[in-house]
Amino acid sequence: MTKRQPSMKKIISTIALTVGLLVGTQSVMAQEEGGLPSAGTNIRDQASLQRGAKLFFNYCVGCHSLKYVRYSRMAEDLGLSEDEVMKNLNFTGAKFGDVVISHMPEDSAQQFFGKAPPDLSLEVRAKTADWVYGYLNSFYVDPTRPVGWNNTVFPNASMPFPLWELQGIQTAVKKEGSDDVEKLELSQPGKLTQPQYQQAARDLTNFLEYAAEPAALQRQRYGIWVLLFLAGFTFLAYLLKKEYWKDVH
């Protein structure tokens, strides 16, 4: 008696079901993490990465470094020339092969903020893109705080809001009889409309996601070819299996 082999259709169905369960589990986990809005990032969107880099170097590098990102590598990955990077994104006099270091000396940061602002190279890996995107959308004016700002995603953060000119000024609406924030209202419009600011926050988050792992871009490019190879190999293996078992009854 011969042992019946599983059909290719059944194998493919099993693989698809497994992948679906994994994706579904990740989605549920993401939804359970505090109800954060989806960042919707895509590090393959080069235009978004370029806009995000512009925002970072205009609004963030004054305090925050990217000590694992080199200007030269960033230029290559973002499709920028050395001249474009050095003229438009280098404000510290760094060399093209240097890593990105903030303007502010650590002792000055300690004096102004009570502690040195964190390096943002691994921020997305540590807290997820959704967290960073939610954080950038959740600042509100708070006169009780030393820096004049607070944040619903990271309450009592010692960071001032660098993008307030773009988003505008949000104020907190408290729950009745409580100090808990019910919602945020835009009390003073900024230079951007709400959809435009959300896109800007998404671009900045996208750039920080890239900065957390620049090699991910190359890995994704290689991954496409690996998947194509595996698909071709699976098809050839199926044809070989059919040929091998065709005379077995």
Protein backbone atom coordinates (compact mmCIF):
# COMPACT_ATOMS: atom_id res chain seq x y z
CA MET A 1 0.00 0.00 0.00
CA THR A 2 1.40 3.38 -0.98
CA LYS A 3 1.26 6.42 1.25
CA ARG A 4 -0.88 9.19 -0.18
CA GLN A 5 0.99 12.48 -0.60
CA PRO A 6 -0.66 15.81 0.25
CA SER A 7 -1.68 17.84 -2.80
CA MET A 8 0.07 21.09 -3.71
CA LYS A 9 -3.25 22.90 -3.31
CA LYS A 10 -3.53 21.69 0.28
CA ILE A 11 0.06 22.72 1.04
CA ILE A 12 -0.49 26.22 -0.36
CA SER A 13 -3.76 26.55 1.59
CA THR A 14 -1.99 25.58 4.81
CA ILE A 15 0.79 28.12 4.24
CA ALA A 16 -1.72 30.87 3.44
CA LEU A 17 -3.72 30.07 6.58
CA THR A 18 -0.58 30.20 8.73
CA VAL A 19 0.49 33.57 7.29
CA GLY A 20 -3.03 34.92 7.77
CA LEU A 21 -3.07 33.88 11.42
CA LEU A 22 0.31 35.53 12.02
CA VAL A 23 -0.76 38.79 10.38
CA GLY A 24 -4.05 38.77 12.26
CA THR A 25 -2.27 38.23 15.56
CA GLN A 26 0.06 41.17 14.89
CA SER A 27 -2.92 43.40 14.02
CA VAL A 28 -4.70 42.51 17.26
CA MET A 29 -1.54 43.18 19.26
CA ALA A 30 -1.13 46.58 17.58
CA GLN A 31 -4.73 47.52 18.38
CA GLU A 32 -4.24 46.56 22.01
CA GLU A 33 -1.25 48.88 22.48
CA GLY A 34 -3.12 51.84 23.86
CA GLY A 35 -5.31 52.52 20.84
CA LEU A 36 -2.57 54.44 19.02
CA PRO A 37 -3.33 55.70 15.50
CA SER A 38 -1.68 53.81 12.68
CA ALA A 39 1.39 55.59 11.34
CA GLY A 40 0.96 54.02 7.91
CA THR A 41 4.69 54.27 7.21
CA ASN A 42 6.44 52.80 4.18
CA ILE A 43 10.22 53.03 4.06
CA ARG A 44 10.16 52.19 0.34
CA ASP A 45 8.48 55.57 -0.26
CA GLN A 46 11.60 57.57 -1.09
CA ALA A 47 9.76 60.88 -1.45
CA SER A 48 8.34 60.46 2.05
CA LEU A 49 11.80 59.65 3.43
CA GLN A 50 13.21 62.79 1.81
CA ARG A 51 10.45 64.96 3.30
CA GLY A 52 10.94 63.30 6.68
CA ALA A 53 14.69 63.92 6.55
CA LYS A 54 14.07 67.59 5.78
CA LEU A 55 11.77 67.85 8.80
CA PHE A 56 14.23 66.08 11.08
CA PHE A 57 17.17 68.28 10.11
CA ASN A 58 15.14 71.48 10.30
CA TYR A 59 13.29 70.81 13.56
CA CYS A 60 14.92 67.95 15.48
CA VAL A 61 18.68 67.80 14.96
CA GLY A 62 19.16 70.83 17.18
CA CYS A 63 18.64 68.52 20.16
CA HIS A 64 18.60 64.94 18.86
CA SER A 65 21.31 62.87 17.20
CA LEU A 66 21.18 59.85 14.90
CA LYS A 67 24.47 58.30 15.93
CA TYR A 68 23.95 55.14 13.86
CA VAL A 69 23.23 57.01 10.60
CA ARG A 70 25.92 58.46 8.35
CA TYR A 71 25.26 61.32 5.96
CA SER A 72 26.82 59.28 3.14
CA ARG A 73 24.62 56.24 3.75
CA MET A 74 21.54 58.43 4.04
CA ALA A 75 22.34 60.10 0.72
CA GLU A 76 22.64 56.72 -1.00
CA ASP A 77 19.44 55.31 0.48
CA LEU A 78 17.34 58.44 -0.05
CA GLY A 79 18.50 59.07 -3.61
CA LEU A 80 20.28 62.33 -2.78
CA SER A 81 23.61 63.63 -4.02
CA GLU A 82 26.47 64.54 -1.70
CA ASP A 83 25.98 68.19 -2.63
CA GLU A 84 22.25 68.09 -1.78
CA VAL A 85 22.90 66.50 1.61
CA MET A 86 25.78 68.76 2.61
CA LYS A 87 23.98 71.96 1.56
CA ASN A 88 20.46 71.18 2.77
CA LEU A 89 20.78 68.69 5.64
CA ASN A 90 24.15 69.37 7.23
CA PHE A 91 24.01 72.30 9.65
CA THR A 92 26.83 71.26 12.00
CA GLY A 93 29.84 71.36 9.71
CA ALA A 94 30.08 67.56 9.70
CA LYS A 95 31.91 65.64 6.99
CA PHE A 96 30.01 63.55 4.45
CA GLY A 97 31.13 60.30 6.08
CA ASP A 98 30.26 61.41 9.64
CA VAL A 99 27.32 60.23 11.70
CA VAL A 100 24.52 62.67 12.50
CA ILE A 101 25.23 64.48 15.77
CA SER A 102 23.02 67.22 17.21
CA HIS A 103 24.01 70.87 17.59
CA MET A 104 23.52 70.90 21.36
CA PRO A 105 26.35 69.89 23.72
CA GLU A 106 25.25 67.36 26.32
CA ASP A 107 26.01 69.64 29.28
CA SER A 108 23.82 72.39 27.77
CA ALA A 109 21.01 69.90 27.25
CA GLN A 110 21.28 68.84 30.87
CA GLN A 111 20.99 72.47 31.93
CA PHE A 112 18.01 73.31 29.71
CA PHE A 113 15.94 70.11 29.96
CA GLY A 114 17.19 68.39 33.09
CA LYS A 115 18.59 65.53 31.01
CA ALA A 116 20.12 65.07 27.59
CA PRO A 117 17.57 64.51 24.80
CA PRO A 118 17.74 60.90 23.62
CA ASP A 119 19.40 59.78 20.43
CA LEU A 120 16.61 58.94 18.00
CA SER A 121 18.38 56.27 15.95
CA LEU A 122 16.50 53.44 17.62
CA GLU A 123 13.38 55.29 18.79
CA VAL A 124 11.00 53.52 16.41
CA ARG A 125 12.45 50.10 17.20
CA ALA A 126 12.10 50.79 20.92
CA LYS A 127 8.57 52.26 20.86
CA THR A 128 7.07 51.40 17.42
CA ALA A 129 6.22 53.73 14.54
CA ASP A 130 2.62 54.09 15.76
CA TRP A 131 3.86 55.36 19.13
CA VAL A 132 6.13 57.98 17.54
CA TYR A 133 3.39 59.10 15.14
CA GLY A 134 0.86 59.32 17.99
CA TYR A 135 3.36 61.26 20.09
CA LEU A 136 3.92 63.83 17.33
CA ASN A 137 0.16 64.38 17.11
CA SER A 138 -0.52 64.62 20.85
CA PHE A 139 1.24 67.73 22.14
CA TYR A 140 -0.86 70.37 23.87
CA VAL A 141 -0.08 73.61 25.64
CA ASP A 142 0.22 73.22 29.42
CA PRO A 143 1.31 76.27 31.48
CA THR A 144 1.94 74.04 34.50
CA ARG A 145 4.84 72.28 32.80
CA PRO A 146 8.37 73.79 32.82
CA VAL A 147 8.60 73.74 29.01
CA GLY A 148 4.99 74.88 28.54
CA TRP A 149 3.89 71.70 26.77
CA ASN A 150 2.52 68.29 27.67
CA ASN A 151 1.64 65.16 25.73
CA THR A 152 -1.17 62.63 26.04
CA VAL A 153 0.92 59.74 24.71
CA PHE A 154 3.89 60.52 26.98
CA PRO A 155 2.53 62.58 29.89
CA ASN A 156 4.85 65.06 31.59
CA ALA A 157 7.58 64.72 28.99
CA SER A 158 10.28 67.35 29.37
CA MET A 159 10.38 68.01 25.63
CA PRO A 160 9.01 71.22 24.10
CA PHE A 161 6.99 70.82 20.92
CA PRO A 162 9.27 71.63 17.96
CA LEU A 163 6.55 71.36 15.30
CA TRP A 164 4.01 73.73 16.84
CA GLU A 165 4.42 76.27 14.02
CA LEU A 166 3.33 73.57 11.58
CA GLN A 167 0.49 71.96 13.53
CA GLY A 168 -0.61 74.94 15.57
CA ILE A 169 -1.46 74.96 19.27
CA GLN A 170 -3.68 72.31 20.79
CA THR A 171 -5.42 72.66 24.15
CA ALA A 172 -6.68 69.88 26.36
CA VAL A 173 -10.35 69.32 27.12
CA LYS A 174 -10.53 67.64 30.53
CA LYS A 175 -13.13 65.13 31.62
CA GLU A 176 -15.72 66.61 33.95
CA GLY A 177 -14.54 66.41 37.54
CA SER A 178 -11.18 64.97 36.52
CA ASP A 179 -7.72 66.01 35.39
CA ASP A 180 -7.73 63.33 32.70
CA VAL A 181 -7.60 64.63 29.14
CA GLU A 182 -10.71 63.70 27.17
CA LYS A 183 -9.59 65.16 23.83
CA LEU A 184 -7.40 67.79 22.22
CA GLU A 185 -8.72 70.80 20.35
CA LEU A 186 -6.82 73.00 17.92
CA SER A 187 -7.07 76.47 19.44
CA GLN A 188 -4.59 78.19 17.13
CA PRO A 189 -4.04 76.93 13.57
CA GLY A 190 -0.52 76.40 12.29
CA LYS A 191 1.05 76.76 8.86
CA LEU A 192 -0.34 73.38 7.76
CA THR A 193 -3.87 72.07 7.59
CA GLN A 194 -4.65 69.05 9.76
CA PRO A 195 -4.24 66.54 6.88
CA GLN A 196 -1.01 68.24 5.82
CA TYR A 197 0.38 68.09 9.34
CA GLN A 198 -0.60 64.44 9.73
CA GLN A 199 1.29 63.70 6.51
CA ALA A 200 4.30 65.63 7.81
CA ALA A 201 4.22 63.64 11.07
CA ARG A 202 3.94 60.44 9.02
CA ASP A 203 6.94 61.46 6.89
CA LEU A 204 9.04 62.24 9.95
CA THR A 205 8.05 58.94 11.55
CA ASN A 206 8.88 57.15 8.31
CA PHE A 207 12.35 58.70 8.27
CA LEU A 208 12.93 57.69 11.90
CA GLU A 209 11.81 54.16 11.06
CA TYR A 210 14.39 54.11 8.27
CA ALA A 211 17.03 55.53 10.65
CA ALA A 212 16.35 52.71 13.10
CA GLU A 213 17.48 50.15 10.53
CA PRO A 214 18.85 51.50 7.23
CA ALA A 215 19.71 47.95 6.14
CA ALA A 216 15.99 47.15 6.03
CA LEU A 217 15.77 48.86 2.63
CA GLN A 218 18.34 46.52 1.11
CA ARG A 219 16.86 43.53 2.90
CA GLN A 220 13.45 44.26 1.42
CA ARG A 221 14.93 44.56 -2.07
CA TYR A 222 16.70 41.22 -1.67
CA GLY A 223 13.60 39.74 -0.08
CA ILE A 224 11.58 40.17 -3.27
CA TRP A 225 14.13 38.15 -5.25
CA VAL A 226 14.31 35.51 -2.53
CA LEU A 227 10.52 35.10 -2.62
CA LEU A 228 10.59 34.80 -6.41
CA PHE A 229 13.31 32.17 -6.16
CA LEU A 230 11.35 30.21 -3.57
CA ALA A 231 8.21 30.40 -5.70
CA GLY A 232 10.11 29.05 -8.72
CA PHE A 233 11.79 26.36 -6.65
CA THR A 234 8.44 25.29 -5.18
CA PHE A 235 6.94 25.00 -8.66
CA LEU A 236 9.87 22.89 -9.90
CA ALA A 237 9.65 20.72 -6.78
CA TYR A 238 5.96 20.19 -7.48
CA LEU A 239 6.67 19.14 -11.07
CA LEU A 240 9.38 16.77 -9.83
CA LYS A 241 6.99 15.31 -7.26
CA LYS A 242 4.36 14.70 -9.97
CA GLU A 243 6.92 13.01 -12.20
CA TYR A 244 8.20 10.88 -9.32
CA TRP A 245 4.77 9.68 -8.21
CA LYS A 246 3.04 9.35 -11.59
CA ASP A 247 3.61 5.58 -11.80
CA VAL A 248 2.70 4.92 -8.18
CA HIS A 249 -0.86 3.75 -7.71
